[in-house]
Amino acid sequence: MKEVVILGAGYAGLRALKELQRHRTDCHVTLIDKHDYHYEATDLHEVATGMQHRSRISYDINDVVDRERTTFVQETVDKVDCENQKVICTNGKEVTYDYLIVALGFESETFGTPGVDEYALSMTNVDDAEKIYHHICEQMQLYKQTQDEDFLKIVVCGAGFTGVELMGALVEAKPEYAKIADVNPAQIEIYCVEASTRLLPMFNEKLASYGIDHLKEWGVKLYTGMRVKEIKPNLVMYRAGDDDPMKEISARTIIWTTGVRGSKVIAASGFSEKRGRVMVKDDLSAPDHDNVYIVGDVAAVMDTSTQRPYPTTAQISLKMGHHAAKNIIRQIAGQSTEPFSFKSLGSVASIGNTHAFGLVGTTPIKGYPASFVKKAIMDKSLLETGGVKETMSKGRFDFYH
């Protein structure tokens, strides 16, 4: 019996697990993750703002494990030894494999900006998101004691997809924060510093402007074309260019959403990588290792139409996990692997619970219809990883709110 090991219980890892468990292939699966739960990474901004409890976006991994065919191991992966076909965990535990799926997810990318790790809050997992929410609530309580307006200020560094969704949720949560601080919601200020002048390039300018204009109308102070140069205690330092004067925003809550990179395990394992991502072969296998598949946030797959790697999204991660599992099933059966192909079904960004904008295929949508589609997308993702049980328990069925 062949041993298949999956590293990571995110979108790609669990989708691969589901496919392997569905087929009666002559293999045993070992799933390794540092947590004993899966969380919907696309919903982290809702936990970070208090709009959802962490239990609404997470579920126990054992709930989706077929114990007759799969063993779940809760360990932190240190590196992969491809030559000897084994996974080495931080505590020294070793797990051997015949086939491996590396789906370890993303980490925050600081781009070497001084002070980010020390003085800014990241949002890369559900623990981080919960920490942000508790931090914001604490700052609101401290305002009541000090009357220092810096406690009412929130700075989001980065206006990418994650940053925009976070700002929308923060705006929606302002009335709750205002009650804690005993102030008018308008007194709570949200700032954003973004290096690019063309925001959300996955959408056309008109569609991107719809979301950005809404945030501005709701009072978000957006500074574009400005690079964060340093984070100091309660201070964001930024400027447009190296010859321009330095500017600053003082605030007690600083959230870093400027970028992500693949897991550090990729570099530690000796893969040829850039920012923790491996340029995989057309069947998603690793260069020089036909029995190792690299998927999700740690994989770079070239989009031949743009000659650039596809953006890392839950949608493509799910497709990659499914495809890697199918190729392993084919290999075990003595068949050749098939190349991966992907066509985006579109992408929708939420700005609060009832506003959204994006694309369904190539068709622009915005407002309530987009919000409806966004919730349907979230439920579909949950169905693909957790199945019917988790979808019925955690799904978003408030389509009319």
Protein backbone atom coordinates (compact mmCIF):
# COMPACT_ATOMS: atom_id res chain seq x y z
CA MET A 1 0.00 0.00 0.00
CA LYS A 2 1.35 3.41 -0.98
CA GLU A 3 1.77 6.16 1.61
CA VAL A 4 0.54 9.62 0.61
CA VAL A 5 1.45 12.51 2.92
CA ILE A 6 -0.31 15.88 2.78
CA LEU A 7 1.33 18.87 4.46
CA GLY A 8 -1.19 21.54 5.43
CA ALA A 9 -4.93 21.49 6.08
CA GLY A 10 -5.83 24.64 4.19
CA TYR A 11 -7.91 24.86 1.03
CA ALA A 12 -5.55 22.86 -1.19
CA GLY A 13 -4.63 20.27 1.42
CA LEU A 14 -8.19 19.43 2.46
CA ARG A 15 -9.42 19.38 -1.13
CA ALA A 16 -6.70 16.86 -1.95
CA LEU A 17 -7.63 14.82 1.12
CA LYS A 18 -11.28 14.75 0.14
CA GLU A 19 -10.44 13.46 -3.35
CA LEU A 20 -8.06 10.78 -2.08
CA GLN A 21 -10.60 9.58 0.49
CA ARG A 22 -13.34 9.48 -2.14
CA HIS A 23 -11.42 7.11 -4.41
CA ARG A 24 -10.82 3.52 -3.34
CA THR A 25 -7.16 3.78 -4.27
CA ASP A 26 -4.64 1.42 -2.69
CA CYS A 27 -3.09 4.03 -0.45
CA HIS A 28 -3.01 5.35 3.11
CA VAL A 29 -3.01 9.10 3.72
CA THR A 30 -1.23 10.99 6.49
CA LEU A 31 -2.33 14.61 6.94
CA ILE A 32 0.03 16.87 8.91
CA ASP A 33 -0.89 20.32 10.22
CA LYS A 34 0.25 22.37 13.20
CA HIS A 35 -3.36 23.07 14.15
CA ASP A 36 -6.13 20.59 14.90
CA TYR A 37 -8.61 22.77 13.03
CA HIS A 38 -9.11 24.20 9.54
CA TYR A 39 -10.04 27.86 9.10
CA GLU A 40 -11.42 29.72 6.10
CA ALA A 41 -8.54 32.11 5.39
CA THR A 42 -10.71 34.31 3.17
CA ASP A 43 -12.86 35.17 6.19
CA LEU A 44 -10.10 36.23 8.59
CA HIS A 45 -11.01 39.91 8.27
CA GLU A 46 -14.42 39.16 9.79
CA VAL A 47 -12.85 37.63 12.91
CA ALA A 48 -10.28 40.45 13.08
CA THR A 49 -13.07 43.03 13.27
CA GLY A 50 -15.41 41.05 15.51
CA MET A 51 -18.07 40.56 12.84
CA GLN A 52 -17.76 36.78 13.20
CA HIS A 53 -16.56 34.53 16.03
CA ARG A 54 -13.64 32.26 15.14
CA SER A 55 -15.91 29.23 15.54
CA ARG A 56 -17.93 30.43 12.54
CA ILE A 57 -14.98 30.18 10.16
CA SER A 58 -13.26 27.06 11.51
CA TYR A 59 -13.92 23.39 12.19
CA ASP A 60 -12.06 20.38 13.60
CA ILE A 61 -9.87 18.59 11.08
CA ASN A 62 -10.93 15.23 12.52
CA ASP A 63 -14.48 16.00 11.39
CA VAL A 64 -13.40 15.47 7.78
CA VAL A 65 -10.91 12.64 8.31
CA ASP A 66 -11.87 9.09 7.31
CA ARG A 67 -10.08 7.23 10.09
CA GLU A 68 -10.05 3.98 8.13
CA ARG A 69 -7.93 5.55 5.39
CA THR A 70 -6.32 8.64 6.90
CA THR A 71 -4.19 9.46 9.94
CA PHE A 72 -4.10 13.05 11.15
CA VAL A 73 -0.87 14.16 12.82
CA GLN A 74 -0.77 17.50 14.63
CA GLU A 75 2.84 18.61 14.20
CA THR A 76 4.79 21.56 12.85
CA VAL A 77 6.75 20.72 9.71
CA ASP A 78 10.41 21.73 9.71
CA LYS A 79 11.48 20.60 6.25
CA VAL A 80 11.10 17.99 3.53
CA ASP A 81 13.92 15.60 2.64
CA CYS A 82 13.02 14.73 -0.95
CA GLU A 83 16.05 12.50 -1.53
CA ASN A 84 15.06 10.17 1.31
CA GLN A 85 11.30 10.74 0.88
CA LYS A 86 10.56 11.87 4.40
CA VAL A 87 9.07 14.83 6.22
CA ILE A 88 10.92 16.12 9.27
CA CYS A 89 8.89 17.82 11.99
CA THR A 90 10.12 20.40 14.48
CA ASN A 91 10.11 17.92 17.38
CA GLY A 92 12.26 15.46 15.39
CA LYS A 93 9.40 13.22 14.28
CA GLU A 94 9.89 11.81 10.77
CA VAL A 95 7.17 10.67 8.38
CA THR A 96 8.07 8.76 5.23
CA TYR A 97 6.09 8.95 2.00
CA ASP A 98 5.74 7.50 -1.47
CA TYR A 99 3.85 10.57 -2.67
CA LEU A 100 3.80 14.02 -1.11
CA ILE A 101 1.49 17.02 -1.44
CA VAL A 102 2.98 20.23 -0.04
CA ALA A 103 0.15 22.66 0.74
CA LEU A 104 1.58 24.66 3.62
CA GLY A 105 -0.02 28.03 2.99
CA PHE A 106 1.20 31.59 3.39
CA GLU A 107 3.04 33.81 5.85
CA SER A 108 3.18 37.58 6.21
CA GLU A 109 5.70 39.33 3.95
CA THR A 110 7.38 42.36 5.52
CA PHE A 111 9.63 43.21 2.53
CA GLY A 112 12.30 44.01 5.11
CA THR A 113 10.37 46.99 6.46
CA PRO A 114 11.81 47.84 9.89
CA GLY A 115 9.48 47.45 12.87
CA VAL A 116 6.74 45.39 11.22
CA ASP A 117 7.31 42.25 13.27
CA GLU A 118 7.65 44.23 16.49
CA TYR A 119 4.97 46.90 16.23
CA ALA A 120 2.34 45.85 13.66
CA LEU A 121 -0.36 43.19 13.80
CA SER A 122 -0.44 40.60 11.01
CA MET A 123 -3.48 38.63 9.86
CA THR A 124 -2.21 35.29 8.58
CA ASN A 125 -4.25 32.87 10.71
CA VAL A 126 -7.30 32.77 12.94
CA ASP A 127 -5.24 33.33 16.10
CA ASP A 128 -3.80 36.51 14.58
CA ALA A 129 -7.28 37.65 13.58
CA GLU A 130 -8.68 37.09 17.06
CA LYS A 131 -5.70 38.93 18.54
CA ILE A 132 -6.45 41.96 16.33
CA TYR A 133 -10.06 42.09 17.52
CA HIS A 134 -9.12 41.87 21.19
CA HIS A 135 -6.43 44.51 20.66
CA ILE A 136 -8.91 46.94 19.06
CA CYS A 137 -11.40 46.45 21.90
CA GLU A 138 -8.65 47.05 24.44
CA GLN A 139 -7.65 50.31 22.72
CA MET A 140 -11.26 51.50 22.83
CA GLN A 141 -11.41 50.80 26.56
CA LEU A 142 -8.12 52.63 27.09
CA TYR A 143 -9.51 55.69 25.32
CA LYS A 144 -12.16 55.98 28.04
CA GLN A 145 -9.37 56.18 30.61
CA THR A 146 -6.98 58.48 28.75
CA GLN A 147 -9.06 60.46 26.22
CA ASP A 148 -6.04 60.08 23.91
CA GLU A 149 -7.44 60.07 20.36
CA ASP A 150 -4.64 57.82 19.11
CA PHE A 151 -6.50 54.94 20.77
CA LEU A 152 -9.38 55.57 18.34
CA LYS A 153 -7.16 55.39 15.23
CA ILE A 154 -6.65 52.25 13.13
CA VAL A 155 -4.07 52.12 10.33
CA VAL A 156 -4.20 49.41 7.65
CA CYS A 157 -0.93 49.07 5.75
CA GLY A 158 -1.81 47.82 2.28
CA ALA A 159 -4.90 48.18 0.09
CA GLY A 160 -4.84 44.88 -1.72
CA PHE A 161 -7.76 42.45 -1.72
CA THR A 162 -7.28 41.58 1.97
CA GLY A 163 -6.78 45.19 3.03
CA VAL A 164 -9.89 46.39 1.22
CA GLU A 165 -12.07 43.66 2.74
CA LEU A 166 -10.61 44.41 6.17
CA MET A 167 -11.35 48.13 5.85
CA GLY A 168 -14.93 47.41 4.81
CA ALA A 169 -15.43 45.21 7.86
CA LEU A 170 -13.77 47.79 10.14
CA VAL A 171 -16.17 50.47 8.92
CA GLU A 172 -19.11 48.19 9.62
CA ALA A 173 -17.78 47.43 13.12
CA LYS A 174 -17.28 51.09 14.10
CA PRO A 175 -20.62 51.36 15.98
CA GLU A 176 -19.59 48.44 18.21
CA TYR A 177 -16.19 49.98 18.90
CA ALA A 178 -17.84 53.34 19.59
CA LYS A 179 -19.99 51.78 22.31
CA ILE A 180 -16.88 50.43 24.03
CA ALA A 181 -15.11 53.80 23.84
CA ASP A 182 -18.31 55.75 24.58
CA VAL A 183 -17.85 57.97 21.53
CA ASN A 184 -19.62 58.76 18.27
CA PRO A 185 -18.67 56.23 15.54
CA ALA A 186 -17.38 59.11 13.41
CA GLN A 187 -14.64 59.71 16.00
CA ILE A 188 -13.08 56.34 15.19
CA GLU A 189 -10.69 56.96 12.30
CA ILE A 190 -9.51 54.39 9.78
CA TYR A 191 -6.42 55.11 7.68
CA CYS A 192 -4.78 53.16 4.88
CA VAL A 193 -1.31 53.58 3.39
CA GLU A 194 -0.75 51.90 0.01
CA ALA A 195 2.30 52.03 -2.28
CA SER A 196 0.41 51.58 -5.55
CA THR A 197 -1.68 54.23 -7.25
CA ARG A 198 -3.67 51.64 -9.23
CA LEU A 199 -5.57 49.60 -6.69
CA LEU A 200 -7.02 46.11 -7.18
CA PRO A 201 -5.54 45.47 -10.65
CA MET A 202 -7.51 42.23 -11.00
CA PHE A 203 -10.54 44.47 -11.69
CA ASN A 204 -10.94 47.21 -14.29
CA GLU A 205 -10.57 50.77 -13.01
CA LYS A 206 -14.30 51.47 -12.94
CA LEU A 207 -15.05 48.40 -10.83
CA ALA A 208 -12.09 48.94 -8.51
CA SER A 209 -13.14 52.58 -8.05
CA TYR A 210 -16.60 51.43 -6.95
CA GLY A 211 -15.13 49.72 -3.91
CA ILE A 212 -12.50 52.33 -3.15
CA ASP A 213 -14.99 55.20 -3.49
CA HIS A 214 -17.33 53.48 -1.04
CA LEU A 215 -14.55 53.23 1.51
CA LYS A 216 -13.76 56.93 1.07
CA GLU A 217 -17.44 57.85 1.39
CA TRP A 218 -17.52 55.89 4.63
CA GLY A 219 -14.68 58.01 5.99
CA VAL A 220 -11.60 55.88 5.33
CA LYS A 221 -8.54 58.09 4.80
CA LEU A 222 -6.68 56.45 1.92
CA TYR A 223 -3.12 57.50 1.06
CA THR A 224 -2.02 55.94 -2.24
CA GLY A 225 1.38 56.13 -3.90
CA MET A 226 2.92 56.10 -0.43
CA ARG A 227 5.38 53.48 0.81
CA VAL A 228 5.55 52.48 4.44
CA LYS A 229 9.22 52.94 5.33
CA GLU A 230 9.16 51.98 9.00
CA ILE A 231 6.82 51.04 11.82
CA LYS A 232 7.68 52.53 15.19
CA PRO A 233 5.78 52.11 18.45
CA ASN A 234 2.31 53.52 17.66
CA LEU A 235 3.66 55.24 14.55
CA VAL A 236 3.58 54.54 10.79
CA MET A 237 6.33 56.29 8.82
CA TYR A 238 5.72 56.69 5.07
CA ARG A 239 6.62 58.73 1.99
CA ALA A 240 6.14 58.71 -1.78
CA GLY A 241 9.79 58.48 -2.81
CA ASP A 242 13.22 58.39 -1.23
CA ASP A 243 13.71 62.11 -1.91
CA ASP A 244 10.33 63.11 -0.50
CA PRO A 245 9.81 64.21 3.11
CA MET A 246 8.85 61.52 5.60
CA LYS A 247 5.29 61.63 6.91
CA GLU A 248 3.74 59.85 9.86
CA ILE A 249 0.44 58.66 11.31
CA SER A 250 0.18 58.05 15.02
CA ALA A 251 -2.21 55.26 16.00
CA ARG A 252 -2.52 52.56 18.63
CA THR A 253 -3.69 49.90 16.15
CA ILE A 254 -1.48 49.16 13.13
CA ILE A 255 -2.41 46.21 10.91
CA TRP A 256 -0.04 44.88 8.23
CA THR A 257 -1.74 43.49 5.09
CA THR A 258 0.85 44.60 2.54
CA GLY A 259 1.75 41.16 1.25
CA VAL A 260 2.23 37.45 1.83
CA ARG A 261 4.80 34.83 0.91
CA GLY A 262 4.84 31.05 0.90
CA SER A 263 5.84 28.99 3.92
CA LYS A 264 9.48 29.17 5.03
CA VAL A 265 9.51 25.35 4.88
CA ILE A 266 9.88 25.65 1.10
CA ALA A 267 13.29 27.34 1.32
CA ALA A 268 14.36 25.12 4.23
CA SER A 269 13.66 22.06 2.07
CA GLY A 270 15.98 23.21 -0.69
CA PHE A 271 13.37 23.85 -3.37
CA SER A 272 14.18 26.48 -5.98
CA GLU A 273 11.85 29.25 -4.84
CA LYS A 274 11.04 32.93 -4.86
CA ARG A 275 9.25 34.40 -1.84
CA GLY A 276 8.40 30.88 -0.69
CA ARG A 277 6.79 29.80 -3.98
CA VAL A 278 8.01 27.11 -6.37
CA MET A 279 7.49 27.31 -10.13
CA VAL A 280 5.96 23.85 -10.57
CA LYS A 281 5.78 21.69 -13.69
CA ASP A 282 2.62 21.62 -15.77
CA ASP A 283 1.19 18.70 -13.77
CA LEU A 284 1.89 20.57 -10.46
CA SER A 285 4.81 18.33 -9.50
CA ALA A 286 8.06 19.77 -8.21
CA PRO A 287 11.03 20.15 -10.54
CA ASP A 288 13.19 16.98 -10.28
CA HIS A 289 10.63 15.17 -8.08
CA ASP A 290 7.74 13.51 -9.91
CA ASN A 291 6.25 12.17 -6.66
CA VAL A 292 6.12 15.56 -4.92
CA TYR A 293 3.29 17.98 -5.68
CA ILE A 294 3.38 21.61 -4.58
CA VAL A 295 0.02 23.37 -4.45
CA GLY A 296 -1.79 26.38 -3.05
CA ASP A 297 0.06 29.42 -1.72
CA VAL A 298 3.49 27.77 -2.05
CA ALA A 299 3.06 27.04 -5.78
CA ALA A 300 3.57 29.34 -8.75
CA VAL A 301 1.60 28.32 -11.84
CA MET A 302 2.13 30.31 -15.02
CA ASP A 303 -0.88 31.92 -16.68
CA THR A 304 0.02 31.63 -20.36
CA SER A 305 -2.33 34.47 -21.29
CA THR A 306 -0.47 36.99 -19.13
CA GLN A 307 2.93 35.27 -18.80
CA ARG A 308 2.68 35.84 -15.07
CA PRO A 309 1.89 33.40 -12.26
CA TYR A 310 -1.76 33.18 -11.27
CA PRO A 311 -2.63 35.13 -8.09
CA THR A 312 -2.88 32.91 -5.03
CA THR A 313 -6.58 32.55 -4.26
CA ALA A 314 -8.78 30.01 -2.51
CA GLN A 315 -10.34 29.21 -5.89
CA ILE A 316 -7.11 28.12 -7.55
CA SER A 317 -5.88 26.40 -4.37
CA LEU A 318 -8.97 24.18 -4.34
CA LYS A 319 -8.45 23.32 -8.01
CA MET A 320 -4.78 22.56 -7.45
CA GLY A 321 -5.43 20.31 -4.46
CA HIS A 322 -8.02 18.35 -6.43
CA HIS A 323 -5.72 18.02 -9.45
CA ALA A 324 -2.68 16.89 -7.44
CA ALA A 325 -4.75 14.16 -5.78
CA LYS A 326 -6.08 13.02 -9.17
CA ASN A 327 -2.54 12.79 -10.55
CA ILE A 328 -1.37 10.72 -7.59
CA ILE A 329 -4.31 8.37 -8.11
CA ARG A 330 -3.25 8.06 -11.75
CA GLN A 331 0.36 7.38 -10.81
CA ILE A 332 -0.62 4.65 -8.34
CA ALA A 333 -2.67 3.05 -11.12
CA GLY A 334 0.36 3.13 -13.43
CA GLN A 335 -1.01 5.89 -15.62
CA SER A 336 0.61 9.12 -16.75
CA THR A 337 -0.21 12.43 -15.07
CA GLU A 338 -2.27 15.16 -16.69
CA PRO A 339 -1.41 18.86 -17.00
CA PHE A 340 -3.18 21.36 -14.78
CA SER A 341 -5.47 23.91 -16.38
CA PHE A 342 -7.33 26.74 -14.72
CA LYS A 343 -9.94 29.24 -15.76
CA SER A 344 -10.99 31.70 -13.11
CA LEU A 345 -14.69 31.81 -12.37
CA GLY A 346 -14.21 35.38 -11.20
CA SER A 347 -13.49 37.10 -7.92
CA VAL A 348 -15.63 39.13 -5.53
CA ALA A 349 -14.44 41.46 -2.75
CA SER A 350 -16.73 42.25 0.16
CA ILE A 351 -16.85 45.67 1.79
CA GLY A 352 -18.96 44.89 4.81
CA ASN A 353 -21.76 42.36 5.04
CA THR A 354 -24.08 43.85 2.42
CA HIS A 355 -21.76 45.50 -0.11
CA ALA A 356 -19.37 43.85 -2.55
CA PHE A 357 -17.96 44.16 -6.04
CA GLY A 358 -16.15 41.92 -8.48
CA LEU A 359 -16.40 39.64 -11.47
CA VAL A 360 -18.44 36.54 -12.20
CA GLY A 361 -16.50 35.13 -15.11
CA THR A 362 -15.87 38.35 -16.99
CA THR A 363 -19.13 40.04 -15.98
CA PRO A 364 -18.79 42.94 -13.49
CA ILE A 365 -21.17 42.88 -10.51
CA LYS A 366 -21.51 45.23 -7.57
CA GLY A 367 -23.73 46.12 -4.64
CA TYR A 368 -26.20 43.62 -3.20
CA PRO A 369 -25.98 41.11 -6.11
CA ALA A 370 -22.22 40.92 -5.57
CA SER A 371 -22.73 40.43 -1.83
CA PHE A 372 -25.11 37.54 -2.58
CA VAL A 373 -22.54 35.94 -4.90
CA LYS A 374 -19.75 36.45 -2.34
CA LYS A 375 -21.66 34.47 0.28
CA ALA A 376 -22.45 31.75 -2.26
CA ILE A 377 -18.73 31.52 -3.10
CA MET A 378 -17.89 31.17 0.59
CA ASP A 379 -20.42 28.35 0.97
CA LYS A 380 -19.07 26.56 -2.11
CA SER A 381 -15.55 26.72 -0.72
CA LEU A 382 -16.75 25.30 2.58
CA LEU A 383 -18.55 22.49 0.77
CA GLU A 384 -15.41 21.54 -1.16
CA THR A 385 -13.26 21.20 1.97
CA GLY A 386 -15.64 20.36 4.81
CA GLY A 387 -18.54 18.71 3.03
CA VAL A 388 -22.27 19.05 3.65
CA LYS A 389 -22.06 18.82 7.45
CA GLU A 390 -19.70 21.76 7.86
CA THR A 391 -21.50 23.80 5.20
CA MET A 392 -24.84 23.42 6.96
CA SER A 393 -23.20 24.28 10.29
CA LYS A 394 -20.94 27.17 9.22
CA GLY A 395 -22.38 28.33 5.90
CA ARG A 396 -23.55 31.86 5.10
CA PHE A 397 -27.24 31.67 4.32
CA ASP A 398 -28.11 35.27 5.27
CA PHE A 399 -28.37 36.20 1.60
CA TYR A 400 -31.01 38.85 2.23
CA HIS A 401 -29.00 40.84 4.78
